[in-house]
Amino acid sequence: MLYTDGLVEDREHDIDVGLERLRRALAGSGPSPEETCRAVLDGRPPARSSDDVALLVARTRALGPAGSPSGRFPPTRRPSARCARR
């Protein structure tokens, strides 16, 4: 799960309050990414902040014995968008 600071911070509460609210929401969420997003967003207080909120929840596969993902990517001859703009 990735999120921006707007999910856990606001001017009226310490970040620890937001992190605890996030922990409680995650503990009560369902197994799917959609259920997790819904639980996290429903667990937020009514919007009072003008800060943005971005939330990304993804399902992962079990990692191999090495404990890190591995894989092969096919080579490409196209430059990345960043390189192409230069």
N, C-alpha and C. Protein backbone atom coordinates (compact mmCIF):
# COMPACT_ATOMS: atom_id res chain seq x y z
N MET A 1 0.83 -1.15 0.00
CA MET A 1 0.00 0.00 0.00
C MET A 1 0.89 1.23 0.00
N LEU A 2 0.55 2.17 -0.86
CA LEU A 2 1.22 3.47 -0.91
C LEU A 2 0.17 4.55 -0.70
N TYR A 3 0.56 5.62 -0.02
CA TYR A 3 -0.38 6.71 0.20
C TYR A 3 0.38 8.01 0.39
N THR A 4 -0.31 9.12 0.15
CA THR A 4 0.27 10.43 0.38
C THR A 4 0.00 10.86 1.82
N ASP A 5 0.72 11.87 2.25
CA ASP A 5 0.61 12.32 3.63
C ASP A 5 -0.78 12.87 3.96
N GLY A 6 -1.54 13.29 2.97
CA GLY A 6 -2.88 13.79 3.22
C GLY A 6 -3.81 12.74 3.82
N LEU A 7 -3.46 11.48 3.68
CA LEU A 7 -4.28 10.41 4.26
C LEU A 7 -4.15 10.35 5.77
N VAL A 8 -2.98 10.70 6.30
CA VAL A 8 -2.72 10.53 7.73
C VAL A 8 -2.45 11.83 8.48
N GLU A 9 -2.32 12.94 7.78
CA GLU A 9 -2.00 14.20 8.43
C GLU A 9 -3.07 15.25 8.16
N ASP A 10 -3.29 16.10 9.14
CA ASP A 10 -4.04 17.32 8.92
C ASP A 10 -3.60 18.33 9.98
N ARG A 11 -4.04 19.55 9.85
CA ARG A 11 -3.58 20.61 10.75
C ARG A 11 -4.14 20.49 12.15
N GLU A 12 -5.21 19.76 12.31
CA GLU A 12 -5.87 19.68 13.62
C GLU A 12 -5.41 18.49 14.46
N HIS A 13 -4.74 17.51 13.85
CA HIS A 13 -4.35 16.30 14.58
C HIS A 13 -2.88 15.97 14.30
N ASP A 14 -2.25 15.40 15.28
CA ASP A 14 -0.89 14.91 15.16
C ASP A 14 -0.87 13.73 14.18
N ILE A 15 0.24 13.52 13.50
CA ILE A 15 0.35 12.42 12.54
C ILE A 15 0.10 11.07 13.21
N ASP A 16 0.47 10.94 14.48
CA ASP A 16 0.24 9.67 15.18
C ASP A 16 -1.24 9.31 15.25
N VAL A 17 -2.09 10.32 15.34
CA VAL A 17 -3.54 10.08 15.35
C VAL A 17 -3.96 9.50 13.99
N GLY A 18 -3.46 10.09 12.91
CA GLY A 18 -3.79 9.59 11.58
C GLY A 18 -3.25 8.20 11.32
N LEU A 19 -2.04 7.92 11.79
CA LEU A 19 -1.47 6.58 11.61
C LEU A 19 -2.25 5.53 12.39
N GLU A 20 -2.69 5.89 13.59
CA GLU A 20 -3.49 4.95 14.37
C GLU A 20 -4.84 4.70 13.69
N ARG A 21 -5.44 5.74 13.15
CA ARG A 21 -6.70 5.59 12.42
C ARG A 21 -6.50 4.66 11.22
N LEU A 22 -5.36 4.81 10.52
CA LEU A 22 -5.05 3.94 9.39
C LEU A 22 -4.85 2.49 9.85
N ARG A 23 -4.14 2.29 10.94
CA ARG A 23 -3.94 0.92 11.46
C ARG A 23 -5.27 0.25 11.79
N ARG A 24 -6.17 0.99 12.44
CA ARG A 24 -7.48 0.43 12.78
C ARG A 24 -8.27 0.07 11.53
N ALA A 25 -8.22 0.95 10.53
CA ALA A 25 -8.95 0.68 9.29
C ALA A 25 -8.40 -0.56 8.59
N LEU A 26 -7.09 -0.70 8.56
CA LEU A 26 -6.48 -1.86 7.91
C LEU A 26 -6.80 -3.15 8.66
N ALA A 27 -6.86 -3.08 9.97
CA ALA A 27 -7.18 -4.28 10.77
C ALA A 27 -8.59 -4.76 10.48
N GLY A 28 -9.49 -3.86 10.11
CA GLY A 28 -10.87 -4.24 9.84
C GLY A 28 -11.22 -4.36 8.38
N SER A 29 -10.21 -4.31 7.51
CA SER A 29 -10.50 -4.36 6.07
C SER A 29 -10.63 -5.79 5.58
N GLY A 30 -11.22 -5.93 4.41
CA GLY A 30 -11.39 -7.24 3.79
C GLY A 30 -10.15 -7.65 3.02
N PRO A 31 -10.20 -8.82 2.38
CA PRO A 31 -9.03 -9.36 1.71
C PRO A 31 -8.70 -8.73 0.36
N SER A 32 -9.66 -8.08 -0.28
CA SER A 32 -9.39 -7.55 -1.62
C SER A 32 -8.86 -6.12 -1.56
N PRO A 33 -8.12 -5.68 -2.57
CA PRO A 33 -7.67 -4.29 -2.61
C PRO A 33 -8.83 -3.29 -2.55
N GLU A 34 -9.93 -3.62 -3.20
CA GLU A 34 -11.09 -2.72 -3.18
C GLU A 34 -11.64 -2.56 -1.77
N GLU A 35 -11.74 -3.68 -1.04
CA GLU A 35 -12.24 -3.62 0.33
C GLU A 35 -11.28 -2.86 1.25
N THR A 36 -9.99 -3.02 1.00
CA THR A 36 -9.00 -2.29 1.78
C THR A 36 -9.13 -0.80 1.54
N CYS A 37 -9.22 -0.39 0.28
CA CYS A 37 -9.39 1.03 -0.04
C CYS A 37 -10.64 1.59 0.62
N ARG A 38 -11.74 0.87 0.51
CA ARG A 38 -13.00 1.34 1.08
C ARG A 38 -12.89 1.49 2.59
N ALA A 39 -12.28 0.52 3.26
CA ALA A 39 -12.14 0.59 4.72
C ALA A 39 -11.28 1.78 5.13
N VAL A 40 -10.19 2.00 4.41
CA VAL A 40 -9.29 3.11 4.73
C VAL A 40 -9.99 4.45 4.50
N LEU A 41 -10.64 4.60 3.37
CA LEU A 41 -11.30 5.88 3.08
C LEU A 41 -12.51 6.12 3.97
N ASP A 42 -13.25 5.07 4.29
CA ASP A 42 -14.40 5.22 5.19
C ASP A 42 -13.96 5.52 6.62
N GLY A 43 -12.74 5.15 6.97
CA GLY A 43 -12.23 5.38 8.31
C GLY A 43 -11.73 6.79 8.55
N ARG A 44 -11.69 7.59 7.51
CA ARG A 44 -11.24 8.98 7.64
C ARG A 44 -12.36 9.85 8.18
N PRO A 45 -12.00 10.88 8.94
CA PRO A 45 -13.03 11.83 9.39
C PRO A 45 -13.54 12.64 8.19
N PRO A 46 -14.66 13.32 8.35
CA PRO A 46 -15.16 14.14 7.24
C PRO A 46 -14.09 15.12 6.76
N ALA A 47 -14.05 15.34 5.46
CA ALA A 47 -13.00 16.17 4.86
C ALA A 47 -13.03 17.59 5.41
N ARG A 48 -11.93 17.98 6.02
CA ARG A 48 -11.77 19.35 6.49
C ARG A 48 -10.51 19.95 5.90
N SER A 49 -9.64 19.12 5.40
CA SER A 49 -8.35 19.56 4.92
C SER A 49 -8.40 19.82 3.42
N SER A 50 -7.55 20.70 2.99
CA SER A 50 -7.43 20.95 1.55
C SER A 50 -6.30 20.12 0.95
N ASP A 51 -5.64 19.30 1.77
CA ASP A 51 -4.55 18.47 1.29
C ASP A 51 -5.09 17.33 0.45
N ASP A 52 -4.34 16.95 -0.56
CA ASP A 52 -4.75 15.85 -1.42
C ASP A 52 -4.54 14.51 -0.74
N VAL A 53 -5.27 13.52 -1.21
CA VAL A 53 -5.12 12.15 -0.72
C VAL A 53 -5.01 11.24 -1.93
N ALA A 54 -3.95 10.44 -1.95
CA ALA A 54 -3.80 9.41 -2.97
C ALA A 54 -3.54 8.09 -2.24
N LEU A 55 -4.19 7.04 -2.71
CA LEU A 55 -4.08 5.73 -2.07
C LEU A 55 -3.96 4.68 -3.16
N LEU A 56 -2.95 3.85 -3.05
CA LEU A 56 -2.75 2.75 -4.00
C LEU A 56 -2.61 1.46 -3.21
N VAL A 57 -3.50 0.52 -3.48
CA VAL A 57 -3.46 -0.78 -2.83
C VAL A 57 -3.37 -1.82 -3.94
N ALA A 58 -2.42 -2.70 -3.85
CA ALA A 58 -2.23 -3.72 -4.88
C ALA A 58 -2.11 -5.09 -4.25
N ARG A 59 -2.62 -6.08 -4.94
CA ARG A 59 -2.47 -7.46 -4.51
C ARG A 59 -1.09 -7.93 -4.99
N THR A 60 -0.39 -8.63 -4.15
CA THR A 60 0.93 -9.14 -4.52
C THR A 60 0.91 -10.66 -4.52
N ARG A 61 1.87 -11.20 -5.14
CA ARG A 61 2.05 -12.66 -5.12
C ARG A 61 3.07 -13.00 -4.06
N ALA A 62 3.06 -14.21 -3.62
CA ALA A 62 4.04 -14.65 -2.61
C ALA A 62 5.43 -14.57 -3.21
N LEU A 63 6.38 -14.16 -2.40
CA LEU A 63 7.76 -14.05 -2.86
C LEU A 63 8.44 -15.41 -2.79
N GLY A 64 9.45 -15.56 -3.59
CA GLY A 64 10.22 -16.80 -3.61
C GLY A 64 11.08 -16.94 -2.37
N PRO A 65 11.86 -18.01 -2.30
CA PRO A 65 12.68 -18.27 -1.11
C PRO A 65 13.71 -17.18 -0.84
N ALA A 66 14.11 -16.45 -1.87
CA ALA A 66 15.11 -15.39 -1.67
C ALA A 66 14.49 -14.18 -0.97
N GLY A 67 13.16 -14.08 -0.96
CA GLY A 67 12.51 -12.98 -0.28
C GLY A 67 12.40 -11.71 -1.08
N SER A 68 12.73 -11.76 -2.35
CA SER A 68 12.58 -10.58 -3.19
C SER A 68 12.04 -11.00 -4.55
N PRO A 69 11.31 -10.10 -5.18
CA PRO A 69 10.74 -10.46 -6.48
C PRO A 69 11.83 -10.58 -7.53
N SER A 70 11.58 -11.39 -8.51
CA SER A 70 12.52 -11.52 -9.62
C SER A 70 11.72 -11.75 -10.90
N GLY A 71 12.34 -11.50 -11.98
CA GLY A 71 11.68 -11.70 -13.26
C GLY A 71 12.54 -11.15 -14.36
N ARG A 72 12.15 -11.45 -15.58
CA ARG A 72 12.88 -10.97 -16.74
C ARG A 72 11.97 -10.06 -17.53
N PHE A 73 12.52 -8.98 -18.00
CA PHE A 73 11.79 -8.05 -18.83
C PHE A 73 12.38 -8.07 -20.22
N PRO A 74 11.52 -8.13 -21.23
CA PRO A 74 12.04 -8.17 -22.59
C PRO A 74 12.72 -6.84 -22.93
N PRO A 75 13.81 -6.90 -23.70
CA PRO A 75 14.48 -5.65 -24.08
C PRO A 75 13.58 -4.83 -25.01
N THR A 76 13.77 -3.53 -24.98
CA THR A 76 13.01 -2.66 -25.85
C THR A 76 13.95 -1.66 -26.50
N ARG A 77 13.63 -1.27 -27.69
CA ARG A 77 14.46 -0.29 -28.39
C ARG A 77 13.89 1.12 -28.26
N ARG A 78 12.70 1.23 -27.68
CA ARG A 78 12.09 2.55 -27.54
C ARG A 78 12.66 3.26 -26.32
N PRO A 79 13.01 4.54 -26.44
CA PRO A 79 13.47 5.27 -25.26
C PRO A 79 12.31 5.54 -24.31
N SER A 80 12.62 5.70 -23.07
CA SER A 80 11.56 6.03 -22.11
C SER A 80 11.04 7.42 -22.42
N ALA A 81 9.87 7.76 -21.89
CA ALA A 81 9.27 9.06 -22.12
C ALA A 81 10.21 10.18 -21.62
N ARG A 82 10.88 9.93 -20.52
CA ARG A 82 11.79 10.94 -19.96
C ARG A 82 12.95 11.20 -20.91
N CYS A 83 13.51 10.15 -21.47
CA CYS A 83 14.62 10.31 -22.41
C CYS A 83 14.17 10.93 -23.72
N ALA A 84 12.96 10.61 -24.13
CA ALA A 84 12.47 11.10 -25.42
C ALA A 84 12.23 12.59 -25.41
N ARG A 85 11.98 13.19 -24.24
CA ARG A 85 11.71 14.62 -24.17
C ARG A 85 12.95 15.46 -24.23
N ARG A 86 14.09 14.91 -24.03
CA ARG A 86 15.34 15.71 -24.00
C ARG A 86 15.78 16.15 -25.36
